[in-house]
Amino acid sequence: MSGLISNFPYNGVVTVNRVILKPGYTVDDLQERVAELCENVKTYHSDTGFVGGFVALNSGDISNEGSTVGQAVRSPLKDKEALIVTFWRSFEDHEASHRSDTFQPLFRKVLELCENGNEEIAYEMLWSGKAYSPEDAKAARAAKAQYAA
């Protein structure tokens, strides 16, 4: 199943930036600068490889059910760390977007507030999917009960 990101090709590329805010900068500063950057990418690169993206802020919650590195209760990076995740048709399309004259000034403004510098990792998509509808979930459970050994 690959319907999570509409029009994302099976061999697409996902890039992930991890931003840790420098002291003195706020989430509002981050949101403003990243919004300008994202608007630029949508405007100038939607027809040259950009498929979509999202920005997620560290909520501070740590899953004790899904973590194996201790039983911490809160992340010290709450409201200080964000992930900028983008989806591209190819890595080459992504790289070309970063070389654009309109992108670079906005990118530098985002980097000004990054305590950790920037390292953008590119990943090849292996799987994506969205939740089943309630009816499909019921059918999937019934099939598992009937056929799973």
N, C-alpha and C. Protein backbone atom coordinates (compact mmCIF):
# COMPACT_ATOMS: atom_id res chain seq x y z
N MET A 1 0.85 -1.17 0.00
CA MET A 1 0.00 0.00 0.00
C MET A 1 0.89 1.23 0.00
N SER A 2 0.57 2.22 -0.84
CA SER A 2 1.43 3.40 -0.93
C SER A 2 0.62 4.68 -1.02
N GLY A 3 -0.58 4.71 -0.48
CA GLY A 3 -1.45 5.86 -0.64
C GLY A 3 -1.31 6.94 0.42
N LEU A 4 -0.31 6.90 1.26
CA LEU A 4 -0.19 7.89 2.32
C LEU A 4 0.08 9.28 1.76
N ILE A 5 1.06 9.39 0.87
CA ILE A 5 1.38 10.67 0.23
C ILE A 5 0.89 10.58 -1.21
N SER A 6 -0.16 11.32 -1.51
CA SER A 6 -0.75 11.27 -2.84
C SER A 6 0.28 11.62 -3.91
N ASN A 7 0.31 10.84 -4.98
CA ASN A 7 1.20 11.04 -6.13
C ASN A 7 2.68 10.82 -5.82
N PHE A 8 3.00 10.19 -4.70
CA PHE A 8 4.40 9.90 -4.39
C PHE A 8 4.79 8.63 -5.13
N PRO A 9 5.83 8.70 -5.97
CA PRO A 9 6.21 7.52 -6.76
C PRO A 9 6.82 6.42 -5.89
N TYR A 10 6.67 5.19 -6.35
CA TYR A 10 7.18 4.03 -5.59
C TYR A 10 8.68 4.13 -5.33
N ASN A 11 9.42 4.82 -6.19
CA ASN A 11 10.87 4.95 -6.03
C ASN A 11 11.26 6.36 -5.61
N GLY A 12 10.35 7.07 -4.97
CA GLY A 12 10.60 8.43 -4.54
C GLY A 12 11.62 8.52 -3.42
N VAL A 13 11.97 9.75 -3.09
CA VAL A 13 12.98 10.03 -2.07
C VAL A 13 12.35 10.88 -0.97
N VAL A 14 12.67 10.53 0.27
CA VAL A 14 12.22 11.28 1.44
C VAL A 14 13.46 11.93 2.06
N THR A 15 13.39 13.24 2.33
CA THR A 15 14.50 13.89 3.01
C THR A 15 14.06 14.32 4.40
N VAL A 16 14.99 14.24 5.34
CA VAL A 16 14.68 14.58 6.73
C VAL A 16 15.76 15.53 7.25
N ASN A 17 15.30 16.70 7.69
CA ASN A 17 16.15 17.67 8.38
C ASN A 17 15.77 17.66 9.86
N ARG A 18 16.75 17.62 10.73
CA ARG A 18 16.50 17.71 12.16
C ARG A 18 17.00 19.07 12.62
N VAL A 19 16.10 19.86 13.16
CA VAL A 19 16.41 21.21 13.61
C VAL A 19 16.31 21.26 15.13
N ILE A 20 17.36 21.73 15.78
CA ILE A 20 17.31 22.01 17.22
C ILE A 20 17.52 23.51 17.36
N LEU A 21 16.54 24.17 17.97
CA LEU A 21 16.57 25.63 18.08
C LEU A 21 17.69 26.12 18.99
N LYS A 22 18.39 27.15 18.55
CA LYS A 22 19.37 27.82 19.38
C LYS A 22 18.64 28.55 20.51
N PRO A 23 19.30 28.73 21.65
CA PRO A 23 18.70 29.56 22.70
C PRO A 23 18.38 30.95 22.14
N GLY A 24 17.25 31.48 22.57
CA GLY A 24 16.85 32.81 22.10
C GLY A 24 15.87 32.77 20.94
N TYR A 25 15.70 31.60 20.31
CA TYR A 25 14.74 31.46 19.22
C TYR A 25 13.54 30.67 19.72
N THR A 26 12.38 30.95 19.13
CA THR A 26 11.14 30.31 19.56
C THR A 26 10.57 29.44 18.45
N VAL A 27 9.57 28.65 18.82
CA VAL A 27 8.85 27.85 17.83
C VAL A 27 8.21 28.78 16.80
N ASP A 28 7.74 29.94 17.23
CA ASP A 28 7.17 30.91 16.28
C ASP A 28 8.20 31.34 15.24
N ASP A 29 9.44 31.57 15.68
CA ASP A 29 10.52 31.91 14.74
C ASP A 29 10.71 30.79 13.72
N LEU A 30 10.74 29.57 14.22
CA LEU A 30 10.91 28.41 13.35
C LEU A 30 9.74 28.31 12.37
N GLN A 31 8.52 28.43 12.87
CA GLN A 31 7.35 28.30 12.00
C GLN A 31 7.34 29.36 10.91
N GLU A 32 7.68 30.57 11.25
CA GLU A 32 7.68 31.64 10.26
C GLU A 32 8.70 31.38 9.15
N ARG A 33 9.91 31.03 9.55
CA ARG A 33 10.97 30.82 8.56
C ARG A 33 10.74 29.58 7.72
N VAL A 34 10.28 28.52 8.35
CA VAL A 34 10.03 27.30 7.60
C VAL A 34 8.83 27.47 6.68
N ALA A 35 7.81 28.23 7.12
CA ALA A 35 6.65 28.49 6.26
C ALA A 35 7.07 29.22 4.99
N GLU A 36 7.95 30.21 5.12
CA GLU A 36 8.44 30.93 3.94
C GLU A 36 9.21 29.99 3.01
N LEU A 37 10.02 29.13 3.60
CA LEU A 37 10.81 28.18 2.82
C LEU A 37 9.90 27.17 2.12
N CYS A 38 8.92 26.65 2.85
CA CYS A 38 8.01 25.66 2.26
C CYS A 38 7.16 26.27 1.15
N GLU A 39 6.71 27.50 1.35
CA GLU A 39 5.92 28.18 0.31
C GLU A 39 6.77 28.33 -0.96
N ASN A 40 8.04 28.65 -0.78
CA ASN A 40 8.94 28.77 -1.93
C ASN A 40 9.07 27.45 -2.66
N VAL A 41 9.27 26.37 -1.92
CA VAL A 41 9.43 25.06 -2.55
C VAL A 41 8.15 24.68 -3.29
N LYS A 42 6.99 24.90 -2.67
CA LYS A 42 5.73 24.58 -3.34
C LYS A 42 5.56 25.41 -4.62
N THR A 43 5.89 26.70 -4.54
CA THR A 43 5.70 27.60 -5.68
C THR A 43 6.64 27.28 -6.83
N TYR A 44 7.92 27.06 -6.53
CA TYR A 44 8.92 26.92 -7.59
C TYR A 44 9.31 25.48 -7.92
N HIS A 45 8.89 24.51 -7.10
CA HIS A 45 9.37 23.14 -7.36
C HIS A 45 8.28 22.09 -7.41
N SER A 46 7.01 22.51 -7.33
CA SER A 46 5.92 21.54 -7.45
C SER A 46 5.90 20.87 -8.82
N ASP A 47 6.40 21.56 -9.81
CA ASP A 47 6.45 20.97 -11.15
C ASP A 47 7.85 20.50 -11.53
N THR A 48 8.77 20.51 -10.56
CA THR A 48 10.12 20.02 -10.84
C THR A 48 10.58 19.00 -9.80
N GLY A 49 9.62 18.22 -9.26
CA GLY A 49 10.01 17.11 -8.41
C GLY A 49 9.47 17.09 -7.00
N PHE A 50 9.04 18.23 -6.47
CA PHE A 50 8.50 18.25 -5.10
C PHE A 50 7.12 17.61 -5.09
N VAL A 51 6.89 16.69 -4.14
CA VAL A 51 5.61 16.00 -4.04
C VAL A 51 4.84 16.45 -2.81
N GLY A 52 5.52 16.69 -1.71
CA GLY A 52 4.85 17.10 -0.48
C GLY A 52 5.81 17.10 0.69
N GLY A 53 5.28 17.40 1.87
CA GLY A 53 6.12 17.39 3.04
C GLY A 53 5.35 17.75 4.29
N PHE A 54 6.04 17.72 5.41
CA PHE A 54 5.46 18.14 6.67
C PHE A 54 6.57 18.55 7.63
N VAL A 55 6.18 19.30 8.66
CA VAL A 55 7.09 19.70 9.72
C VAL A 55 6.46 19.22 11.03
N ALA A 56 7.23 18.57 11.86
CA ALA A 56 6.73 18.04 13.13
C ALA A 56 7.59 18.55 14.28
N LEU A 57 6.93 19.00 15.34
CA LEU A 57 7.61 19.53 16.52
C LEU A 57 7.64 18.47 17.61
N ASN A 58 8.77 18.34 18.29
CA ASN A 58 8.92 17.42 19.41
C ASN A 58 7.93 17.84 20.50
N SER A 59 6.99 16.97 20.81
CA SER A 59 5.94 17.26 21.80
C SER A 59 6.43 17.06 23.23
N GLY A 60 7.57 16.42 23.39
CA GLY A 60 8.08 16.12 24.71
C GLY A 60 7.72 14.74 25.21
N ASP A 61 6.70 14.14 24.59
CA ASP A 61 6.28 12.80 25.02
C ASP A 61 7.23 11.75 24.48
N ILE A 62 7.50 10.75 25.30
CA ILE A 62 8.32 9.61 24.88
C ILE A 62 7.50 8.37 25.13
N SER A 63 7.39 7.54 24.12
CA SER A 63 6.60 6.31 24.24
C SER A 63 7.37 5.27 25.03
N ASN A 64 6.87 4.96 26.20
CA ASN A 64 7.48 3.88 26.97
C ASN A 64 7.12 2.53 26.37
N GLU A 65 6.04 2.46 25.63
CA GLU A 65 5.63 1.21 24.98
C GLU A 65 6.46 0.94 23.72
N GLY A 66 6.96 1.99 23.08
CA GLY A 66 7.69 1.83 21.83
C GLY A 66 9.18 2.10 21.94
N SER A 67 9.67 2.38 23.13
CA SER A 67 11.09 2.69 23.31
C SER A 67 11.79 1.56 24.05
N THR A 68 13.04 1.34 23.69
CA THR A 68 13.81 0.29 24.37
C THR A 68 15.05 0.87 25.04
N VAL A 69 15.12 2.18 25.15
CA VAL A 69 16.32 2.83 25.70
C VAL A 69 16.02 3.49 27.04
N GLY A 70 15.31 2.81 27.88
CA GLY A 70 14.99 3.36 29.19
C GLY A 70 13.53 3.75 29.26
N GLN A 71 13.16 4.30 30.35
CA GLN A 71 11.77 4.66 30.56
C GLN A 71 11.64 6.13 30.91
N ALA A 72 12.21 6.97 30.07
CA ALA A 72 12.11 8.41 30.28
C ALA A 72 10.66 8.85 30.17
N VAL A 73 10.32 9.92 30.83
CA VAL A 73 8.96 10.41 30.83
C VAL A 73 8.79 11.58 29.87
N ARG A 74 9.78 12.45 29.77
CA ARG A 74 9.70 13.63 28.90
C ARG A 74 11.02 13.81 28.15
N SER A 75 10.91 14.31 26.94
CA SER A 75 12.09 14.61 26.14
C SER A 75 12.62 15.98 26.53
N PRO A 76 13.92 16.12 26.75
CA PRO A 76 14.48 17.43 27.05
C PRO A 76 14.44 18.39 25.86
N LEU A 77 14.12 17.88 24.68
CA LEU A 77 14.06 18.71 23.48
C LEU A 77 12.63 19.17 23.15
N LYS A 78 11.71 19.02 24.09
CA LYS A 78 10.32 19.47 23.89
C LYS A 78 10.32 20.92 23.44
N ASP A 79 9.57 21.20 22.37
CA ASP A 79 9.42 22.55 21.81
C ASP A 79 10.74 23.18 21.37
N LYS A 80 11.77 22.34 21.20
CA LYS A 80 13.08 22.84 20.79
C LYS A 80 13.59 22.10 19.55
N GLU A 81 12.99 20.96 19.25
CA GLU A 81 13.44 20.13 18.13
C GLU A 81 12.29 19.93 17.15
N ALA A 82 12.61 20.02 15.87
CA ALA A 82 11.61 19.78 14.83
C ALA A 82 12.22 18.95 13.71
N LEU A 83 11.37 18.22 13.03
CA LEU A 83 11.77 17.49 11.83
C LEU A 83 11.08 18.13 10.64
N ILE A 84 11.85 18.37 9.59
CA ILE A 84 11.31 18.87 8.33
C ILE A 84 11.46 17.71 7.35
N VAL A 85 10.33 17.15 6.92
CA VAL A 85 10.33 15.96 6.07
C VAL A 85 9.72 16.33 4.73
N THR A 86 10.45 16.06 3.65
CA THR A 86 9.94 16.36 2.31
C THR A 86 9.99 15.12 1.43
N PHE A 87 9.11 15.10 0.43
CA PHE A 87 8.95 13.98 -0.48
C PHE A 87 9.22 14.47 -1.89
N TRP A 88 10.08 13.74 -2.62
CA TRP A 88 10.55 14.16 -3.95
C TRP A 88 10.48 12.99 -4.92
N ARG A 89 10.33 13.33 -6.20
CA ARG A 89 10.37 12.28 -7.23
C ARG A 89 11.76 11.65 -7.30
N SER A 90 12.80 12.47 -7.12
CA SER A 90 14.17 11.93 -7.18
C SER A 90 15.10 12.79 -6.33
N PHE A 91 16.23 12.24 -5.98
CA PHE A 91 17.24 12.98 -5.24
C PHE A 91 17.78 14.13 -6.08
N GLU A 92 17.92 13.91 -7.37
CA GLU A 92 18.41 14.95 -8.26
C GLU A 92 17.46 16.15 -8.27
N ASP A 93 16.15 15.90 -8.28
CA ASP A 93 15.17 16.98 -8.21
C ASP A 93 15.33 17.77 -6.91
N HIS A 94 15.53 17.06 -5.83
CA HIS A 94 15.73 17.72 -4.53
C HIS A 94 16.96 18.61 -4.55
N GLU A 95 18.05 18.08 -5.04
CA GLU A 95 19.30 18.83 -5.06
C GLU A 95 19.19 20.09 -5.92
N ALA A 96 18.50 19.96 -7.05
CA ALA A 96 18.31 21.13 -7.93
C ALA A 96 17.51 22.22 -7.21
N SER A 97 16.55 21.83 -6.40
CA SER A 97 15.75 22.83 -5.67
C SER A 97 16.63 23.63 -4.72
N HIS A 98 17.58 22.98 -4.10
CA HIS A 98 18.47 23.67 -3.15
C HIS A 98 19.43 24.63 -3.84
N ARG A 99 19.68 24.40 -5.10
CA ARG A 99 20.57 25.30 -5.84
C ARG A 99 19.86 26.53 -6.37
N SER A 100 18.54 26.58 -6.24
CA SER A 100 17.81 27.70 -6.83
C SER A 100 18.07 29.00 -6.07
N ASP A 101 18.10 30.09 -6.82
CA ASP A 101 18.39 31.41 -6.24
C ASP A 101 17.32 31.85 -5.25
N THR A 102 16.08 31.42 -5.46
CA THR A 102 15.00 31.83 -4.55
C THR A 102 15.04 31.04 -3.25
N PHE A 103 15.58 29.82 -3.28
CA PHE A 103 15.60 28.95 -2.11
C PHE A 103 16.71 29.33 -1.12
N GLN A 104 17.89 29.58 -1.63
CA GLN A 104 19.06 29.75 -0.76
C GLN A 104 18.92 30.83 0.31
N PRO A 105 18.43 32.04 0.02
CA PRO A 105 18.31 33.04 1.08
C PRO A 105 17.36 32.60 2.21
N LEU A 106 16.28 31.93 1.85
CA LEU A 106 15.33 31.46 2.85
C LEU A 106 15.91 30.31 3.66
N PHE A 107 16.67 29.45 3.02
CA PHE A 107 17.34 28.33 3.68
C PHE A 107 18.34 28.86 4.71
N ARG A 108 19.10 29.88 4.35
CA ARG A 108 20.07 30.46 5.28
C ARG A 108 19.38 31.05 6.51
N LYS A 109 18.18 31.63 6.32
CA LYS A 109 17.43 32.18 7.46
C LYS A 109 17.01 31.07 8.43
N VAL A 110 16.66 29.90 7.90
CA VAL A 110 16.33 28.77 8.77
C VAL A 110 17.59 28.30 9.50
N LEU A 111 18.69 28.22 8.79
CA LEU A 111 19.94 27.74 9.41
C LEU A 111 20.42 28.64 10.54
N GLU A 112 20.09 29.94 10.49
CA GLU A 112 20.49 30.87 11.55
C GLU A 112 19.96 30.45 12.91
N LEU A 113 18.83 29.77 12.95
CA LEU A 113 18.25 29.41 14.25
C LEU A 113 18.57 27.97 14.67
N CYS A 114 19.38 27.27 13.88
CA CYS A 114 19.71 25.87 14.16
C CYS A 114 20.94 25.75 15.05
N GLU A 115 20.75 25.17 16.21
CA GLU A 115 21.86 24.91 17.13
C GLU A 115 22.76 23.80 16.60
N ASN A 116 22.18 22.87 15.87
CA ASN A 116 22.90 21.67 15.43
C ASN A 116 23.40 21.75 14.00
N GLY A 117 23.44 22.96 13.41
CA GLY A 117 23.84 23.03 12.01
C GLY A 117 22.77 22.36 11.18
N ASN A 118 23.14 21.71 10.13
CA ASN A 118 22.13 21.01 9.35
C ASN A 118 22.75 19.82 8.64
N GLU A 119 22.08 18.72 8.73
CA GLU A 119 22.42 17.54 7.94
C GLU A 119 21.09 17.00 7.43
N GLU A 120 20.93 17.01 6.13
CA GLU A 120 19.69 16.53 5.53
C GLU A 120 19.95 15.15 4.95
N ILE A 121 19.28 14.16 5.51
CA ILE A 121 19.45 12.78 5.10
C ILE A 121 18.38 12.43 4.08
N ALA A 122 18.75 11.75 3.01
CA ALA A 122 17.80 11.28 2.01
C ALA A 122 17.57 9.79 2.21
N TYR A 123 16.30 9.39 2.15
CA TYR A 123 15.91 8.00 2.33
C TYR A 123 15.10 7.55 1.11
N GLU A 124 15.28 6.29 0.73
CA GLU A 124 14.43 5.70 -0.28
C GLU A 124 13.21 5.12 0.42
N MET A 125 12.04 5.40 -0.11
CA MET A 125 10.81 4.90 0.50
C MET A 125 10.72 3.40 0.33
N LEU A 126 10.50 2.67 1.41
CA LEU A 126 10.28 1.23 1.35
C LEU A 126 8.79 0.90 1.50
N TRP A 127 8.07 1.69 2.29
CA TRP A 127 6.66 1.43 2.51
C TRP A 127 6.01 2.69 3.05
N SER A 128 4.79 2.91 2.66
CA SER A 128 3.95 3.92 3.29
C SER A 128 2.52 3.44 3.20
N GLY A 129 1.69 3.88 4.07
CA GLY A 129 0.30 3.47 4.02
C GLY A 129 -0.53 4.26 4.99
N LYS A 130 -1.83 4.23 4.75
CA LYS A 130 -2.73 4.89 5.67
C LYS A 130 -3.59 3.83 6.35
N ALA A 131 -4.28 4.23 7.38
CA ALA A 131 -5.09 3.30 8.15
C ALA A 131 -6.21 2.71 7.29
N TYR A 132 -6.63 1.52 7.65
CA TYR A 132 -7.81 0.92 7.03
C TYR A 132 -9.06 1.71 7.43
N SER A 133 -10.06 1.64 6.61
CA SER A 133 -11.38 2.13 7.03
C SER A 133 -11.87 1.18 8.13
N PRO A 134 -12.84 1.58 8.93
CA PRO A 134 -13.36 0.66 9.96
C PRO A 134 -13.83 -0.67 9.37
N GLU A 135 -14.45 -0.64 8.20
CA GLU A 135 -14.92 -1.87 7.57
C GLU A 135 -13.76 -2.76 7.14
N ASP A 136 -12.72 -2.13 6.54
CA ASP A 136 -11.56 -2.91 6.10
C ASP A 136 -10.79 -3.47 7.30
N ALA A 137 -10.71 -2.72 8.39
CA ALA A 137 -10.04 -3.22 9.59
C ALA A 137 -10.77 -4.44 10.14
N LYS A 138 -12.08 -4.39 10.16
CA LYS A 138 -12.87 -5.52 10.64
C LYS A 138 -12.62 -6.74 9.75
N ALA A 139 -12.61 -6.53 8.42
CA ALA A 139 -12.36 -7.63 7.48
C ALA A 139 -10.95 -8.19 7.65
N ALA A 140 -9.97 -7.32 7.88
CA ALA A 140 -8.59 -7.78 8.08
C ALA A 140 -8.46 -8.63 9.33
N ARG A 141 -9.12 -8.22 10.41
CA ARG A 141 -9.09 -9.01 11.65
C ARG A 141 -9.77 -10.36 11.45
N ALA A 142 -10.86 -10.37 10.73
CA ALA A 142 -11.56 -11.63 10.46
C ALA A 142 -10.69 -12.57 9.63
N ALA A 143 -10.00 -12.02 8.61
CA ALA A 143 -9.11 -12.84 7.79
C ALA A 143 -7.95 -13.38 8.61
N LYS A 144 -7.39 -12.57 9.49
CA LYS A 144 -6.30 -13.05 10.35
C LYS A 144 -6.80 -14.18 11.24
N ALA A 145 -7.96 -14.00 11.83
CA ALA A 145 -8.52 -15.02 12.72
C ALA A 145 -8.78 -16.32 11.98
N GLN A 146 -9.19 -16.20 10.72
CA GLN A 146 -9.51 -17.40 9.94
C GLN A 146 -8.29 -18.08 9.37
N TYR A 147 -7.30 -17.30 8.90
CA TYR A 147 -6.20 -17.89 8.12
C TYR A 147 -4.84 -17.88 8.81
N ALA A 148 -4.64 -17.05 9.81
CA ALA A 148 -3.33 -17.00 10.48
C ALA A 148 -3.19 -18.19 11.41
N ALA A 149 -2.05 -18.81 11.36
CA ALA A 149 -1.83 -19.99 12.21
C ALA A 149 -1.13 -19.61 13.48
